[in-house]
Amino acid sequence: MIAGLIICASLSVVDGDTVKCDGQNMRLLGEGVPFVSGIHTPEIGSHAKCIKERKLALIAKGRLKELLDEKGLRLVLSGAVDKTPSHRPLVNIYRTSGEEIGRKLFKVGFARKWSPKQRNDWCN
């Protein structure tokens, strides 16, 4: 995969750190470095480990949806894909102000830092 700007005819939210661009799931990096750093949001539905995580996931998803409703967003491919079986492209989405959306989610408490050896516990 080559890094660069991508245009989506349709951009929607899957969960707090995953978007769908023209049917393709893509994972937000939050200005991170592929496989080194990034952001993580609570798991949604049956992937959640507790009710609290499930509720936080719905709130994070709603906030991401609000952010994606803005005009003039830039979606930039990192050139890497995640290590899940679906191989989601790793992306950054920038607002017209230059602020990266994943970073915004982190700043307002809807995301946490991700690193390869760190597990985020949303239940405590």
PDB file of N, CA and C in Angstrom:
ATOM      1  N   MET A   1       0.853  -1.184   0.000  1.00  0.00           N
ATOM      2  CA  MET A   1       0.000   0.000   0.000  1.00  0.00           C
ATOM      3  C   MET A   1       0.893   1.239   0.000  1.00  0.00           C
ATOM      4  N   ILE A   2       0.518   2.223  -0.779  1.00  0.00           N
ATOM      5  CA  ILE A   2       1.266   3.464  -0.903  1.00  0.00           C
ATOM      6  C   ILE A   2       0.625   4.540  -0.039  1.00  0.00           C
ATOM      7  N   ALA A   3       1.471   5.296   0.674  1.00  0.00           N
ATOM      8  CA  ALA A   3       0.970   6.395   1.503  1.00  0.00           C
ATOM      9  C   ALA A   3       0.462   7.512   0.603  1.00  0.00           C
ATOM     10  N   GLY A   4      -0.545   8.237   1.093  1.00  0.00           N
ATOM     11  CA  GLY A   4      -1.044   9.375   0.338  1.00  0.00           C
ATOM     12  C   GLY A   4      -2.469   9.724   0.667  1.00  0.00           C
ATOM     13  N   LEU A   5      -2.926  10.796   0.050  1.00  0.00           N
ATOM     14  CA  LEU A   5      -4.278  11.309   0.248  1.00  0.00           C
ATOM     15  C   LEU A   5      -5.278  10.404  -0.446  1.00  0.00           C
ATOM     16  N   ILE A   6      -6.429  10.196   0.180  1.00  0.00           N
ATOM     17  CA  ILE A   6      -7.484   9.373  -0.425  1.00  0.00           C
ATOM     18  C   ILE A   6      -8.794  10.154  -0.389  1.00  0.00           C
ATOM     19  N   ILE A   7      -9.609   9.959  -1.388  1.00  0.00           N
ATOM     20  CA  ILE A   7     -10.919  10.608  -1.455  1.00  0.00           C
ATOM     21  C   ILE A   7     -11.985   9.534  -1.293  1.00  0.00           C
ATOM     22  N   CYS A   8     -12.937   9.812  -0.406  1.00  0.00           N
ATOM     23  CA  CYS A   8     -14.030   8.869  -0.144  1.00  0.00           C
ATOM     24  C   CYS A   8     -15.343   9.488  -0.617  1.00  0.00           C
ATOM     25  N   ALA A   9     -16.089   8.767  -1.433  1.00  0.00           N
ATOM     26  CA  ALA A   9     -17.433   9.209  -1.804  1.00  0.00           C
ATOM     27  C   ALA A   9     -18.351   9.055  -0.597  1.00  0.00           C
ATOM     28  N   SER A  10     -18.071   8.043   0.228  1.00  0.00           N
ATOM     29  CA  SER A  10     -18.865   7.771   1.426  1.00  0.00           C
ATOM     30  C   SER A  10     -17.909   7.478   2.580  1.00  0.00           C
ATOM     31  N   LEU A  11     -18.038   8.237   3.676  1.00  0.00           N
ATOM     32  CA  LEU A  11     -17.206   8.039   4.855  1.00  0.00           C
ATOM     33  C   LEU A  11     -18.127   7.897   6.054  1.00  0.00           C
ATOM     34  N   SER A  12     -18.049   6.748   6.734  1.00  0.00           N
ATOM     35  CA  SER A  12     -18.922   6.501   7.882  1.00  0.00           C
ATOM     36  C   SER A  12     -18.116   5.927   9.048  1.00  0.00           C
ATOM     37  N   VAL A  13     -18.760   5.833  10.199  1.00  0.00           N
ATOM     38  CA  VAL A  13     -18.120   5.367  11.428  1.00  0.00           C
ATOM     39  C   VAL A  13     -18.499   3.919  11.706  1.00  0.00           C
ATOM     40  N   VAL A  14     -17.518   3.100  12.018  1.00  0.00           N
ATOM     41  CA  VAL A  14     -17.749   1.717  12.431  1.00  0.00           C
ATOM     42  C   VAL A  14     -17.729   1.656  13.957  1.00  0.00           C
ATOM     43  N   ASP A  15     -16.685   2.216  14.542  1.00  0.00           N
ATOM     44  CA  ASP A  15     -16.577   2.354  15.994  1.00  0.00           C
ATOM     45  C   ASP A  15     -15.686   3.567  16.273  1.00  0.00           C
ATOM     46  N   GLY A  16     -15.231   3.727  17.506  1.00  0.00           N
ATOM     47  CA  GLY A  16     -14.501   4.932  17.863  1.00  0.00           C
ATOM     48  C   GLY A  16     -13.170   5.139  17.175  1.00  0.00           C
ATOM     49  N   ASP A  17     -12.552   4.071  16.665  1.00  0.00           N
ATOM     50  CA  ASP A  17     -11.270   4.223  15.986  1.00  0.00           C
ATOM     51  C   ASP A  17     -11.235   3.542  14.610  1.00  0.00           C
ATOM     52  N   THR A  18     -12.408   3.262  14.066  1.00  0.00           N
ATOM     53  CA  THR A  18     -12.500   2.649  12.739  1.00  0.00           C
ATOM     54  C   THR A  18     -13.541   3.385  11.907  1.00  0.00           C
ATOM     55  N   VAL A  19     -13.149   3.730  10.674  1.00  0.00           N
ATOM     56  CA  VAL A  19     -14.072   4.365   9.737  1.00  0.00           C
ATOM     57  C   VAL A  19     -14.211   3.459   8.517  1.00  0.00           C
ATOM     58  N   LYS A  20     -15.248   3.717   7.754  1.00  0.00           N
ATOM     59  CA  LYS A  20     -15.476   2.972   6.512  1.00  0.00           C
ATOM     60  C   LYS A  20     -15.464   3.981   5.372  1.00  0.00           C
ATOM     61  N   CYS A  21     -14.523   3.819   4.458  1.00  0.00           N
ATOM     62  CA  CYS A  21     -14.390   4.683   3.284  1.00  0.00           C
ATOM     63  C   CYS A  21     -14.784   3.856   2.065  1.00  0.00           C
ATOM     64  N   ASP A  22     -15.908   4.204   1.470  1.00  0.00           N
ATOM     65  CA  ASP A  22     -16.396   3.482   0.291  1.00  0.00           C
ATOM     66  C   ASP A  22     -16.397   1.965   0.498  1.00  0.00           C
ATOM     67  N   GLY A  23     -16.852   1.538   1.683  1.00  0.00           N
ATOM     68  CA  GLY A  23     -16.980   0.118   1.984  1.00  0.00           C
ATOM     69  C   GLY A  23     -15.754  -0.529   2.599  1.00  0.00           C
ATOM     70  N   GLN A  24     -14.628   0.164   2.657  1.00  0.00           N
ATOM     71  CA  GLN A  24     -13.379  -0.383   3.194  1.00  0.00           C
ATOM     72  C   GLN A  24     -13.151   0.120   4.621  1.00  0.00           C
ATOM     73  N   ASN A  25     -13.056  -0.801   5.594  1.00  0.00           N
ATOM     74  CA  ASN A  25     -12.737  -0.406   6.962  1.00  0.00           C
ATOM     75  C   ASN A  25     -11.304   0.099   7.035  1.00  0.00           C
ATOM     76  N   MET A  26     -11.110   1.189   7.792  1.00  0.00           N
ATOM     77  CA  MET A  26      -9.801   1.793   7.976  1.00  0.00           C
ATOM     78  C   MET A  26      -9.632   2.159   9.437  1.00  0.00           C
ATOM     79  N   ARG A  27      -8.445   1.945   9.971  1.00  0.00           N
ATOM     80  CA  ARG A  27      -8.144   2.169  11.397  1.00  0.00           C
ATOM     81  C   ARG A  27      -7.434   3.500  11.580  1.00  0.00           C
ATOM     82  N   LEU A  28      -7.930   4.317  12.524  1.00  0.00           N
ATOM     83  CA  LEU A  28      -7.314   5.611  12.820  1.00  0.00           C
ATOM     84  C   LEU A  28      -6.004   5.427  13.583  1.00  0.00           C
ATOM     85  N   LEU A  29      -4.984   6.167  13.170  1.00  0.00           N
ATOM     86  CA  LEU A  29      -3.693   6.137  13.844  1.00  0.00           C
ATOM     87  C   LEU A  29      -3.578   7.192  14.938  1.00  0.00           C
ATOM     88  N   GLY A  30      -4.287   8.301  14.799  1.00  0.00           N
ATOM     89  CA  GLY A  30      -4.158   9.368  15.788  1.00  0.00           C
ATOM     90  C   GLY A  30      -2.786   9.999  15.780  1.00  0.00           C
ATOM     91  N   GLU A  31      -2.216  10.198  14.617  1.00  0.00           N
ATOM     92  CA  GLU A  31      -0.868  10.737  14.400  1.00  0.00           C
ATOM     93  C   GLU A  31       0.214   9.805  14.926  1.00  0.00           C
ATOM     94  N   GLY A  32      -0.135   8.534  15.123  1.00  0.00           N
ATOM     95  CA  GLY A  32       0.852   7.575  15.600  1.00  0.00           C
ATOM     96  C   GLY A  32       1.731   7.055  14.474  1.00  0.00           C
ATOM     97  N   VAL A  33       2.603   6.136  14.844  1.00  0.00           N
ATOM     98  CA  VAL A  33       3.512   5.487  13.904  1.00  0.00           C
ATOM     99  C   VAL A  33       3.054   4.037  13.777  1.00  0.00           C
ATOM    100  N   PRO A  34       2.795   3.538  12.558  1.00  0.00           N
ATOM    101  CA  PRO A  34       2.300   2.176  12.406  1.00  0.00           C
ATOM    102  C   PRO A  34       3.103   1.156  13.212  1.00  0.00           C
ATOM    103  N   PHE A  35       2.396   0.351  14.009  1.00  0.00           N
ATOM    104  CA  PHE A  35       2.928  -0.738  14.825  1.00  0.00           C
ATOM    105  C   PHE A  35       3.808  -0.271  15.988  1.00  0.00           C
ATOM    106  N   VAL A  36       3.871   1.044  16.216  1.00  0.00           N
ATOM    107  CA  VAL A  36       4.675   1.591  17.309  1.00  0.00           C
ATOM    108  C   VAL A  36       3.795   2.367  18.283  1.00  0.00           C
ATOM    109  N   SER A  37       2.929   3.233  17.741  1.00  0.00           N
ATOM    110  CA  SER A  37       2.072   4.069  18.589  1.00  0.00           C
ATOM    111  C   SER A  37       0.800   4.422  17.846  1.00  0.00           C
ATOM    112  N   GLY A  38      -0.186   4.897  18.587  1.00  0.00           N
ATOM    113  CA  GLY A  38      -1.451   5.288  17.981  1.00  0.00           C
ATOM    114  C   GLY A  38      -2.485   5.549  19.056  1.00  0.00           C
ATOM    115  N   ILE A  39      -3.750   5.383  18.694  1.00  0.00           N
ATOM    116  CA  ILE A  39      -4.840   5.552  19.650  1.00  0.00           C
ATOM    117  C   ILE A  39      -5.671   4.280  19.691  1.00  0.00           C
ATOM    118  N   HIS A  40      -6.445   4.166  20.758  1.00  0.00           N
ATOM    119  CA  HIS A  40      -7.366   3.041  20.903  1.00  0.00           C
ATOM    120  C   HIS A  40      -8.614   3.558  21.612  1.00  0.00           C
ATOM    121  N   THR A  41      -9.758   3.111  21.172  1.00  0.00           N
ATOM    122  CA  THR A  41     -11.015   3.477  21.818  1.00  0.00           C
ATOM    123  C   THR A  41     -11.672   2.210  22.367  1.00  0.00           C
ATOM    124  N   PRO A  42     -12.664   2.360  23.245  1.00  0.00           N
ATOM    125  CA  PRO A  42     -13.344   1.186  23.817  1.00  0.00           C
ATOM    126  C   PRO A  42     -13.947   0.306  22.721  1.00  0.00           C
ATOM    127  N   GLU A  43     -13.995  -0.977  23.011  1.00  0.00           N
ATOM    128  CA  GLU A  43     -14.579  -1.941  22.070  1.00  0.00           C
ATOM    129  C   GLU A  43     -16.093  -1.853  22.130  1.00  0.00           C
ATOM    130  N   ILE A  44     -16.703  -2.097  20.994  1.00  0.00           N
ATOM    131  CA  ILE A  44     -18.152  -1.979  20.864  1.00  0.00           C
ATOM    132  C   ILE A  44     -18.795  -3.365  20.871  1.00  0.00           C
ATOM    133  N   GLY A  45     -20.042  -3.432  21.278  1.00  0.00           N
ATOM    134  CA  GLY A  45     -20.815  -4.676  21.210  1.00  0.00           C
ATOM    135  C   GLY A  45     -20.205  -5.828  21.986  1.00  0.00           C
ATOM    136  N   SER A  46     -20.184  -7.009  21.372  1.00  0.00           N
ATOM    137  CA  SER A  46     -19.727  -8.223  22.052  1.00  0.00           C
ATOM    138  C   SER A  46     -18.223  -8.236  22.305  1.00  0.00           C
ATOM    139  N   HIS A  47     -17.480  -7.315  21.694  1.00  0.00           N
ATOM    140  CA  HIS A  47     -16.037  -7.233  21.912  1.00  0.00           C
ATOM    141  C   HIS A  47     -15.705  -6.517  23.222  1.00  0.00           C
ATOM    142  N   ALA A  48     -16.684  -5.809  23.791  1.00  0.00           N
ATOM    143  CA  ALA A  48     -16.485  -5.103  25.057  1.00  0.00           C
ATOM    144  C   ALA A  48     -16.378  -6.106  26.206  1.00  0.00           C
ATOM    145  N   LYS A  49     -15.560  -5.764  27.192  1.00  0.00           N
ATOM    146  CA  LYS A  49     -15.366  -6.655  28.335  1.00  0.00           C
ATOM    147  C   LYS A  49     -16.336  -6.371  29.476  1.00  0.00           C
ATOM    148  N   CYS A  50     -17.080  -5.268  29.389  1.00  0.00           N
ATOM    149  CA  CYS A  50     -18.041  -4.930  30.443  1.00  0.00           C
ATOM    150  C   CYS A  50     -19.043  -3.906  29.894  1.00  0.00           C
ATOM    151  N   ILE A  51     -20.098  -3.672  30.650  1.00  0.00           N
ATOM    152  CA  ILE A  51     -21.129  -2.706  30.259  1.00  0.00           C
ATOM    153  C   ILE A  51     -20.541  -1.303  30.123  1.00  0.00           C
ATOM    154  N   LYS A  52     -19.673  -0.926  31.064  1.00  0.00           N
ATOM    155  CA  LYS A  52     -19.054   0.406  31.033  1.00  0.00           C
ATOM    156  C   LYS A  52     -18.309   0.620  29.717  1.00  0.00           C
ATOM    157  N   GLU A  53     -17.530  -0.382  29.292  1.00  0.00           N
ATOM    158  CA  GLU A  53     -16.793  -0.264  28.036  1.00  0.00           C
ATOM    159  C   GLU A  53     -17.751  -0.125  26.853  1.00  0.00           C
ATOM    160  N   ARG A  54     -18.820  -0.908  26.876  1.00  0.00           N
ATOM    161  CA  ARG A  54     -19.815  -0.859  25.803  1.00  0.00           C
ATOM    162  C   ARG A  54     -20.428   0.545  25.691  1.00  0.00           C
ATOM    163  N   LYS A  55     -20.753   1.147  26.846  1.00  0.00           N
ATOM    164  CA  LYS A  55     -21.329   2.497  26.858  1.00  0.00           C
ATOM    165  C   LYS A  55     -20.325   3.529  26.373  1.00  0.00           C
ATOM    166  N   LEU A  56     -19.075   3.427  26.854  1.00  0.00           N
ATOM    167  CA  LEU A  56     -18.029   4.357  26.416  1.00  0.00           C
ATOM    168  C   LEU A  56     -17.778   4.235  24.913  1.00  0.00           C
ATOM    169  N   ALA A  57     -17.864   3.015  24.394  1.00  0.00           N
ATOM    170  CA  ALA A  57     -17.663   2.788  22.957  1.00  0.00           C
ATOM    171  C   ALA A  57     -18.723   3.515  22.141  1.00  0.00           C
ATOM    172  N   LEU A  58     -19.961   3.470  22.592  1.00  0.00           N
ATOM    173  CA  LEU A  58     -21.033   4.159  21.868  1.00  0.00           C
ATOM    174  C   LEU A  58     -20.848   5.678  21.910  1.00  0.00           C
ATOM    175  N   ILE A  59     -20.363   6.192  23.028  1.00  0.00           N
ATOM    176  CA  ILE A  59     -20.102   7.632  23.137  1.00  0.00           C
ATOM    177  C   ILE A  59     -18.956   8.021  22.201  1.00  0.00           C
ATOM    178  N   ALA A  60     -17.864   7.234  22.193  1.00  0.00           N
ATOM    179  CA  ALA A  60     -16.726   7.519  21.317  1.00  0.00           C
ATOM    180  C   ALA A  60     -17.145   7.454  19.845  1.00  0.00           C
ATOM    181  N   LYS A  61     -17.951   6.469  19.508  1.00  0.00           N
ATOM    182  CA  LYS A  61     -18.441   6.336  18.134  1.00  0.00           C
ATOM    183  C   LYS A  61     -19.269   7.559  17.744  1.00  0.00           C
ATOM    184  N   GLY A  62     -20.130   8.022  18.654  1.00  0.00           N
ATOM    185  CA  GLY A  62     -20.950   9.204  18.383  1.00  0.00           C
ATOM    186  C   GLY A  62     -20.118  10.451  18.183  1.00  0.00           C
ATOM    187  N   ARG A  63     -19.064  10.613  18.999  1.00  0.00           N
ATOM    188  CA  ARG A  63     -18.202  11.791  18.857  1.00  0.00           C
ATOM    189  C   ARG A  63     -17.439  11.744  17.540  1.00  0.00           C
ATOM    190  N   LEU A  64     -16.955  10.562  17.161  1.00  0.00           N
ATOM    191  CA  LEU A  64     -16.269  10.438  15.879  1.00  0.00           C
ATOM    192  C   LEU A  64     -17.222  10.760  14.735  1.00  0.00           C
ATOM    193  N   LYS A  65     -18.459  10.320  14.837  1.00  0.00           N
ATOM    194  CA  LYS A  65     -19.452  10.627  13.798  1.00  0.00           C
ATOM    195  C   LYS A  65     -19.644  12.131  13.676  1.00  0.00           C
ATOM    196  N   GLU A  66     -19.737  12.838  14.807  1.00  0.00           N
ATOM    197  CA  GLU A  66     -19.861  14.293  14.772  1.00  0.00           C
ATOM    198  C   GLU A  66     -18.673  14.933  14.060  1.00  0.00           C
ATOM    199  N   LEU A  67     -17.480  14.452  14.361  1.00  0.00           N
ATOM    200  CA  LEU A  67     -16.280  15.005  13.734  1.00  0.00           C
ATOM    201  C   LEU A  67     -16.243  14.735  12.233  1.00  0.00           C
ATOM    202  N   LEU A  68     -16.729  13.561  11.823  1.00  0.00           N
ATOM    203  CA  LEU A  68     -16.718  13.220  10.397  1.00  0.00           C
ATOM    204  C   LEU A  68     -17.771  13.984   9.605  1.00  0.00           C
ATOM    205  N   ASP A  69     -18.722  14.595  10.298  1.00  0.00           N
ATOM    206  CA  ASP A  69     -19.741  15.397   9.619  1.00  0.00           C
ATOM    207  C   ASP A  69     -19.194  16.754   9.159  1.00  0.00           C
ATOM    208  N   GLU A  70     -17.999  17.105   9.628  1.00  0.00           N
ATOM    209  CA  GLU A  70     -17.392  18.377   9.218  1.00  0.00           C
ATOM    210  C   GLU A  70     -17.033  18.344   7.732  1.00  0.00           C
ATOM    211  N   LYS A  71     -17.038  19.495   7.133  1.00  0.00           N
ATOM    212  CA  LYS A  71     -16.651  19.620   5.722  1.00  0.00           C
ATOM    213  C   LYS A  71     -15.141  19.803   5.618  1.00  0.00           C
ATOM    214  N   GLY A  72     -14.583  19.376   4.503  1.00  0.00           N
ATOM    215  CA  GLY A  72     -13.179  19.629   4.205  1.00  0.00           C
ATOM    216  C   GLY A  72     -12.175  18.719   4.889  1.00  0.00           C
ATOM    217  N   LEU A  73     -12.593  17.542   5.334  1.00  0.00           N
ATOM    218  CA  LEU A  73     -11.668  16.611   5.974  1.00  0.00           C
ATOM    219  C   LEU A  73     -10.689  16.041   4.950  1.00  0.00           C
ATOM    220  N   ARG A  74      -9.463  15.757   5.399  1.00  0.00           N
ATOM    221  CA  ARG A  74      -8.450  15.106   4.552  1.00  0.00           C
ATOM    222  C   ARG A  74      -8.122  13.749   5.160  1.00  0.00           C
ATOM    223  N   LEU A  75      -8.279  12.690   4.397  1.00  0.00           N
ATOM    224  CA  LEU A  75      -7.958  11.341   4.838  1.00  0.00           C
ATOM    225  C   LEU A  75      -6.631  10.941   4.196  1.00  0.00           C
ATOM    226  N   VAL A  76      -5.646  10.599   5.043  1.00  0.00           N
ATOM    227  CA  VAL A  76      -4.304  10.295   4.550  1.00  0.00           C
ATOM    228  C   VAL A  76      -3.928   8.865   4.940  1.00  0.00           C
ATOM    229  N   LEU A  77      -3.601   8.065   3.935  1.00  0.00           N
ATOM    230  CA  LEU A  77      -3.141   6.693   4.162  1.00  0.00           C
ATOM    231  C   LEU A  77      -1.711   6.725   4.664  1.00  0.00           C
ATOM    232  N   SER A  78      -1.399   5.889   5.651  1.00  0.00           N
ATOM    233  CA  SER A  78      -0.031   5.818   6.172  1.00  0.00           C
ATOM    234  C   SER A  78       0.861   4.958   5.284  1.00  0.00           C
ATOM    235  N   GLY A  79       0.241   4.100   4.490  1.00  0.00           N
ATOM    236  CA  GLY A  79       1.004   3.156   3.683  1.00  0.00           C
ATOM    237  C   GLY A  79       1.104   1.781   4.339  1.00  0.00           C
ATOM    238  N   ALA A  80       0.540   1.643   5.559  1.00  0.00           N
ATOM    239  CA  ALA A  80       0.581   0.378   6.286  1.00  0.00           C
ATOM    240  C   ALA A  80      -0.836  -0.127   6.535  1.00  0.00           C
ATOM    241  N   VAL A  81      -0.958  -1.422   6.810  1.00  0.00           N
ATOM    242  CA  VAL A  81      -2.233  -2.021   7.184  1.00  0.00           C
ATOM    243  C   VAL A  81      -2.065  -2.679   8.545  1.00  0.00           C
ATOM    244  N   ASP A  82      -3.177  -2.802   9.301  1.00  0.00           N
ATOM    245  CA  ASP A  82      -3.070  -3.416  10.632  1.00  0.00           C
ATOM    246  C   ASP A  82      -2.847  -4.920  10.512  1.00  0.00           C
ATOM    247  N   LYS A  83      -2.590  -5.550  11.652  1.00  0.00           N
ATOM    248  CA  LYS A  83      -2.246  -6.969  11.670  1.00  0.00           C
ATOM    249  C   LYS A  83      -3.434  -7.880  11.917  1.00  0.00           C
ATOM    250  N   THR A  84      -4.656  -7.339  11.788  1.00  0.00           N
ATOM    251  CA  THR A  84      -5.846  -8.164  11.921  1.00  0.00           C
ATOM    252  C   THR A  84      -6.070  -8.929  10.617  1.00  0.00           C
ATOM    253  N   PRO A  85      -6.913  -9.959  10.629  1.00  0.00           N
ATOM    254  CA  PRO A  85      -7.183 -10.707   9.391  1.00  0.00           C
ATOM    255  C   PRO A  85      -7.750  -9.831   8.262  1.00  0.00           C
ATOM    256  N   SER A  86      -8.398  -8.705   8.621  1.00  0.00           N
ATOM    257  CA  SER A  86      -8.979  -7.856   7.572  1.00  0.00           C
ATOM    258  C   SER A  86      -7.969  -6.873   6.976  1.00  0.00           C
ATOM    259  N   HIS A  87      -6.788  -6.757   7.582  1.00  0.00           N
ATOM    260  CA  HIS A  87      -5.727  -5.876   7.069  1.00  0.00           C
ATOM    261  C   HIS A  87      -6.224  -4.467   6.765  1.00  0.00           C
ATOM    262  N   ARG A  88      -6.848  -3.843   7.772  1.00  0.00           N
ATOM    263  CA  ARG A  88      -7.370  -2.488   7.591  1.00  0.00           C
ATOM    264  C   ARG A  88      -6.229  -1.509   7.329  1.00  0.00           C
ATOM    265  N   PRO A  89      -6.374  -0.642   6.335  1.00  0.00           N
ATOM    266  CA  PRO A  89      -5.385   0.417   6.143  1.00  0.00           C
ATOM    267  C   PRO A  89      -5.343   1.324   7.373  1.00  0.00           C
ATOM    268  N   LEU A  90      -4.149   1.773   7.753  1.00  0.00           N
ATOM    269  CA  LEU A  90      -3.965   2.682   8.881  1.00  0.00           C
ATOM    270  C   LEU A  90      -3.945   4.104   8.335  1.00  0.00           C
ATOM    271  N   VAL A  91      -4.815   4.957   8.895  1.00  0.00           N
ATOM    272  CA  VAL A  91      -5.019   6.292   8.330  1.00  0.00           C
ATOM    273  C   VAL A  91      -5.020   7.387   9.394  1.00  0.00           C
ATOM    274  N   ASN A  92      -4.841   8.597   8.923  1.00  0.00           N
ATOM    275  CA  ASN A  92      -5.055   9.804   9.719  1.00  0.00           C
ATOM    276  C   ASN A  92      -6.100  10.628   8.990  1.00  0.00           C
ATOM    277  N   ILE A  93      -6.981  11.248   9.753  1.00  0.00           N
ATOM    278  CA  ILE A  93      -7.977  12.143   9.166  1.00  0.00           C
ATOM    279  C   ILE A  93      -7.774  13.514   9.794  1.00  0.00           C
ATOM    280  N   TYR A  94      -7.576  14.512   8.941  1.00  0.00           N
ATOM    281  CA  TYR A  94      -7.301  15.863   9.404  1.00  0.00           C
ATOM    282  C   TYR A  94      -8.479  16.787   9.161  1.00  0.00           C
ATOM    283  N   ARG A  95      -8.742  17.637  10.156  1.00  0.00           N
ATOM    284  CA  ARG A  95      -9.761  18.676  10.039  1.00  0.00           C
ATOM    285  C   ARG A  95      -9.171  19.837   9.237  1.00  0.00           C
ATOM    286  N   THR A  96     -10.013  20.761   8.808  1.00  0.00           N
ATOM    287  CA  THR A  96      -9.521  21.907   8.039  1.00  0.00           C
ATOM    288  C   THR A  96      -8.545  22.749   8.859  1.00  0.00           C
ATOM    289  N   SER A  97      -8.640  22.684  10.185  1.00  0.00           N
ATOM    290  CA  SER A  97      -7.722  23.418  11.071  1.00  0.00           C
ATOM    291  C   SER A  97      -6.347  22.757  11.125  1.00  0.00           C
ATOM    292  N   GLY A  98      -6.223  21.537  10.584  1.00  0.00           N
ATOM    293  CA  GLY A  98      -4.978  20.788  10.629  1.00  0.00           C
ATOM    294  C   GLY A  98      -4.933  19.779  11.767  1.00  0.00           C
ATOM    295  N   GLU A  99      -5.908  19.849  12.674  1.00  0.00           N
ATOM    296  CA  GLU A  99      -5.945  18.918  13.798  1.00  0.00           C
ATOM    297  C   GLU A  99      -6.334  17.526  13.305  1.00  0.00           C
ATOM    298  N   GLU A 100      -5.623  16.516  13.800  1.00  0.00           N
ATOM    299  CA  GLU A 100      -5.907  15.142  13.422  1.00  0.00           C
ATOM    300  C   GLU A 100      -7.042  14.625  14.301  1.00  0.00           C
ATOM    301  N   ILE A 101      -8.029  13.969  13.708  1.00  0.00           N
ATOM    302  CA  ILE A 101      -9.248  13.566  14.412  1.00  0.00           C
ATOM    303  C   ILE A 101      -8.976  12.565  15.540  1.00  0.00           C
ATOM    304  N   GLY A 102      -8.127  11.598  15.322  1.00  0.00           N
ATOM    305  CA  GLY A 102      -7.794  10.655  16.383  1.00  0.00           C
ATOM    306  C   GLY A 102      -7.147  11.353  17.564  1.00  0.00           C
ATOM    307  N   ARG A 103      -6.309  12.316  17.282  1.00  0.00           N
ATOM    308  CA  ARG A 103      -5.668  13.112  18.337  1.00  0.00           C
ATOM    309  C   ARG A 103      -6.719  13.907  19.113  1.00  0.00           C
ATOM    310  N   LYS A 104      -7.719  14.420  18.392  1.00  0.00           N
ATOM    311  CA  LYS A 104      -8.816  15.151  19.031  1.00  0.00           C
ATOM    312  C   LYS A 104      -9.574  14.222  19.982  1.00  0.00           C
ATOM    313  N   LEU A 105      -9.875  13.014  19.543  1.00  0.00           N
ATOM    314  CA  LEU A 105     -10.560  12.039  20.398  1.00  0.00           C
ATOM    315  C   LEU A 105      -9.744  11.760  21.658  1.00  0.00           C
ATOM    316  N   PHE A 106      -8.430  11.685  21.510  1.00  0.00           N
ATOM    317  CA  PHE A 106      -7.544  11.469  22.645  1.00  0.00           C
ATOM    318  C   PHE A 106      -7.608  12.655  23.611  1.00  0.00           C
ATOM    319  N   LYS A 107      -7.518  13.856  23.082  1.00  0.00           N
ATOM    320  CA  LYS A 107      -7.523  15.072  23.905  1.00  0.00           C
ATOM    321  C   LYS A 107      -8.789  15.201  24.739  1.00  0.00           C
ATOM    322  N   VAL A 108      -9.933  14.808  24.183  1.00  0.00           N
ATOM    323  CA  VAL A 108     -11.198  14.958  24.903  1.00  0.00           C
ATOM    324  C   VAL A 108     -11.585  13.703  25.699  1.00  0.00           C
ATOM    325  N   GLY A 109     -10.687  12.716  25.751  1.00  0.00           N
ATOM    326  CA  GLY A 109     -10.895  11.560  26.614  1.00  0.00           C
ATOM    327  C   GLY A 109     -11.654  10.393  26.013  1.00  0.00           C
ATOM    328  N   PHE A 110     -11.922  10.407  24.702  1.00  0.00           N
ATOM    329  CA  PHE A 110     -12.638   9.299  24.071  1.00  0.00           C
ATOM    330  C   PHE A 110     -11.698   8.237  23.512  1.00  0.00           C
ATOM    331  N   ALA A 111     -10.394   8.492  23.581  1.00  0.00           N
ATOM    332  CA  ALA A 111      -9.390   7.535  23.122  1.00  0.00           C
ATOM    333  C   ALA A 111      -8.224   7.558  24.105  1.00  0.00           C
ATOM    334  N   ARG A 112      -7.470   6.488  24.093  1.00  0.00           N
ATOM    335  CA  ARG A 112      -6.261   6.390  24.896  1.00  0.00           C
ATOM    336  C   ARG A 112      -5.089   6.068  23.986  1.00  0.00           C
ATOM    337  N   LYS A 113      -3.888   6.257  24.517  1.00  0.00           N
ATOM    338  CA  LYS A 113      -2.698   5.909  23.745  1.00  0.00           C
ATOM    339  C   LYS A 113      -2.661   4.404  23.551  1.00  0.00           C
ATOM    340  N   TRP A 114      -2.238   3.985  22.370  1.00  0.00           N
ATOM    341  CA  TRP A 114      -2.052   2.577  22.064  1.00  0.00           C
ATOM    342  C   TRP A 114      -0.570   2.338  21.820  1.00  0.00           C
ATOM    343  N   SER A 115      -0.071   1.213  22.302  1.00  0.00           N
ATOM    344  CA  SER A 115       1.266   0.740  21.941  1.00  0.00           C
ATOM    345  C   SER A 115       1.187  -0.781  21.884  1.00  0.00           C
ATOM    346  N   PRO A 116       2.122  -1.426  21.204  1.00  0.00           N
ATOM    347  CA  PRO A 116       2.026  -2.876  20.984  1.00  0.00           C
ATOM    348  C   PRO A 116       1.901  -3.720  22.247  1.00  0.00           C
ATOM    349  N   LYS A 117       2.511  -3.302  23.347  1.00  0.00           N
ATOM    350  CA  LYS A 117       2.516  -4.125  24.550  1.00  0.00           C
ATOM    351  C   LYS A 117       1.560  -3.629  25.620  1.00  0.00           C
ATOM    352  N   GLN A 118       0.743  -2.655  25.289  1.00  0.00           N
ATOM    353  CA  GLN A 118      -0.163  -2.053  26.274  1.00  0.00           C
ATOM    354  C   GLN A 118      -1.594  -2.483  26.019  1.00  0.00           C
ATOM    355  N   ARG A 119      -2.288  -2.877  27.082  1.00  0.00           N
ATOM    356  CA  ARG A 119      -3.714  -3.193  26.995  1.00  0.00           C
ATOM    357  C   ARG A 119      -4.489  -2.117  27.739  1.00  0.00           C
ATOM    358  N   ASN A 120      -5.494  -1.582  27.136  1.00  0.00           N
ATOM    359  CA  ASN A 120      -6.331  -0.572  27.783  1.00  0.00           C
ATOM    360  C   ASN A 120      -7.520  -1.244  28.452  1.00  0.00           C
ATOM    361  N   ASP A 121      -7.678  -0.994  29.740  1.00  0.00           N
ATOM    362  CA  ASP A 121      -8.799  -1.529  30.490  1.00  0.00           C
ATOM    363  C   ASP A 121      -9.828  -0.403  30.680  1.00  0.00           C
ATOM    364  N   TRP A 122     -10.940  -0.525  30.032  1.00  0.00           N
ATOM    365  CA  TRP A 122     -11.998   0.500  30.104  1.00  0.00           C
ATOM    366  C   TRP A 122     -13.004   0.189  31.189  1.00  0.00           C
ATOM    367  N   CYS A 123     -12.848  -0.939  31.873  1.00  0.00           N
ATOM    368  CA  CYS A 123     -13.852  -1.373  32.851  1.00  0.00           C
ATOM    369  C   CYS A 123     -13.600  -0.840  34.256  1.00  0.00           C
ATOM    370  N   ASN A 124     -12.395  -0.406  34.565  1.00  0.00           N
ATOM    371  CA  ASN A 124     -12.078   0.110  35.903  1.00  0.00           C
ATOM    372  C   ASN A 124     -11.953   1.616  35.908  1.00  0.00           C
TER     373      ASN A 124
END
